[in-house]
Amino acid sequence: MSVAKVTEIISSSSKSFDDAVENGIKRASKTLKGITGAWVADQKVTVNDGKIEEYRVVLKVTFILAD
């Protein structure tokens, strides 16, 4: 029997929402082992002088707890 846990992380990118997701999963994989999935819980942008400065995502990351 395995037990999973969900943790929330916030990630950002100056390029796109997709890149922010990629950055978040890449970084989470350095610390969390056994990641099985993730979903985007929220998205937002920061704006400066009418231009998008940063894309941000809130990710819910699912991983299996070690025995």
C-alpha atoms as a PDB file:
ATOM      1  CA  MET A   1       0.000   0.000   0.000  1.00  0.00           C
ATOM      2  CA  SER A   2       1.327   3.444  -0.832  1.00  0.00           C
ATOM      3  CA  VAL A   3       0.430   6.797   0.635  1.00  0.00           C
ATOM      4  CA  ALA A   4       0.543  10.027  -1.346  1.00  0.00           C
ATOM      5  CA  LYS A   5       0.886  13.608  -0.191  1.00  0.00           C
ATOM      6  CA  VAL A   6      -0.010  16.868  -1.938  1.00  0.00           C
ATOM      7  CA  THR A   7       2.046  19.996  -1.400  1.00  0.00           C
ATOM      8  CA  GLU A   8       1.560  23.483  -2.786  1.00  0.00           C
ATOM      9  CA  ILE A   9       4.330  25.426  -4.491  1.00  0.00           C
ATOM     10  CA  ILE A  10       4.497  28.771  -6.292  1.00  0.00           C
ATOM     11  CA  SER A  11       6.671  29.148  -9.359  1.00  0.00           C
ATOM     12  CA  SER A  12       7.352  31.962 -11.810  1.00  0.00           C
ATOM     13  CA  SER A  13       8.789  32.716 -15.232  1.00  0.00           C
ATOM     14  CA  SER A  14       9.398  35.782 -17.341  1.00  0.00           C
ATOM     15  CA  LYS A  15       8.443  33.784 -20.484  1.00  0.00           C
ATOM     16  CA  SER A  16       5.078  32.010 -20.024  1.00  0.00           C
ATOM     17  CA  PHE A  17       2.735  30.062 -17.766  1.00  0.00           C
ATOM     18  CA  ASP A  18       4.016  26.819 -19.329  1.00  0.00           C
ATOM     19  CA  ASP A  19       7.580  27.770 -18.471  1.00  0.00           C
ATOM     20  CA  ALA A  20       6.544  28.604 -14.905  1.00  0.00           C
ATOM     21  CA  VAL A  21       5.028  25.110 -14.569  1.00  0.00           C
ATOM     22  CA  GLU A  22       8.203  23.524 -15.996  1.00  0.00           C
ATOM     23  CA  ASN A  23      10.357  25.540 -13.571  1.00  0.00           C
ATOM     24  CA  GLY A  24       8.194  24.513 -10.620  1.00  0.00           C
ATOM     25  CA  ILE A  25       8.273  20.798 -11.408  1.00  0.00           C
ATOM     26  CA  LYS A  26      11.995  20.870 -12.154  1.00  0.00           C
ATOM     27  CA  ARG A  27      12.755  22.554  -8.827  1.00  0.00           C
ATOM     28  CA  ALA A  28      10.322  20.406  -6.817  1.00  0.00           C
ATOM     29  CA  SER A  29      11.959  17.261  -8.251  1.00  0.00           C
ATOM     30  CA  LYS A  30      15.230  18.228  -6.578  1.00  0.00           C
ATOM     31  CA  THR A  31      13.637  17.912  -3.140  1.00  0.00           C
ATOM     32  CA  LEU A  32      10.548  15.732  -3.540  1.00  0.00           C
ATOM     33  CA  LYS A  33      11.048  12.154  -4.686  1.00  0.00           C
ATOM     34  CA  GLY A  34       8.286  10.096  -6.260  1.00  0.00           C
ATOM     35  CA  ILE A  35       6.333  12.929  -7.900  1.00  0.00           C
ATOM     36  CA  THR A  36       3.408  11.392  -9.773  1.00  0.00           C
ATOM     37  CA  GLY A  37       1.521  14.469 -10.939  1.00  0.00           C
ATOM     38  CA  ALA A  38       0.606  18.100 -10.483  1.00  0.00           C
ATOM     39  CA  TRP A  39      -2.183  20.508 -11.328  1.00  0.00           C
ATOM     40  CA  VAL A  40      -2.311  24.255 -11.714  1.00  0.00           C
ATOM     41  CA  ALA A  41      -4.466  25.634  -8.911  1.00  0.00           C
ATOM     42  CA  ASP A  42      -4.070  29.309  -9.854  1.00  0.00           C
ATOM     43  CA  GLN A  43      -2.384  31.612 -12.354  1.00  0.00           C
ATOM     44  CA  LYS A  44      -1.544  35.284 -12.217  1.00  0.00           C
ATOM     45  CA  VAL A  45       0.722  37.829 -13.865  1.00  0.00           C
ATOM     46  CA  THR A  46       2.569  40.842 -12.567  1.00  0.00           C
ATOM     47  CA  VAL A  47       2.363  43.925 -14.765  1.00  0.00           C
ATOM     48  CA  ASN A  48       4.704  46.902 -15.052  1.00  0.00           C
ATOM     49  CA  ASP A  49       4.042  49.846 -17.406  1.00  0.00           C
ATOM     50  CA  GLY A  50       1.289  47.912 -19.177  1.00  0.00           C
ATOM     51  CA  LYS A  51       3.515  44.926 -19.968  1.00  0.00           C
ATOM     52  CA  ILE A  52       3.542  41.476 -18.392  1.00  0.00           C
ATOM     53  CA  GLU A  53       6.613  41.268 -16.200  1.00  0.00           C
ATOM     54  CA  GLU A  54       6.198  37.801 -14.698  1.00  0.00           C
ATOM     55  CA  TYR A  55       3.939  34.751 -15.016  1.00  0.00           C
ATOM     56  CA  ARG A  56       3.157  32.964 -11.755  1.00  0.00           C
ATOM     57  CA  VAL A  57       1.487  29.630 -11.063  1.00  0.00           C
ATOM     58  CA  VAL A  58       0.359  27.892  -7.911  1.00  0.00           C
ATOM     59  CA  LEU A  59       0.941  24.159  -8.322  1.00  0.00           C
ATOM     60  CA  LYS A  60      -0.440  21.293  -6.274  1.00  0.00           C
ATOM     61  CA  VAL A  61       2.222  18.581  -6.527  1.00  0.00           C
ATOM     62  CA  THR A  62       1.417  14.953  -5.679  1.00  0.00           C
ATOM     63  CA  PHE A  63       4.166  12.580  -4.548  1.00  0.00           C
ATOM     64  CA  ILE A  64       4.373   9.127  -2.960  1.00  0.00           C
ATOM     65  CA  LEU A  65       5.705   8.957   0.582  1.00  0.00           C
ATOM     66  CA  ALA A  66       8.696   6.641   1.044  1.00  0.00           C
ATOM     67  CA  ASP A  67       8.273   3.469   3.102  1.00  0.00           C
END
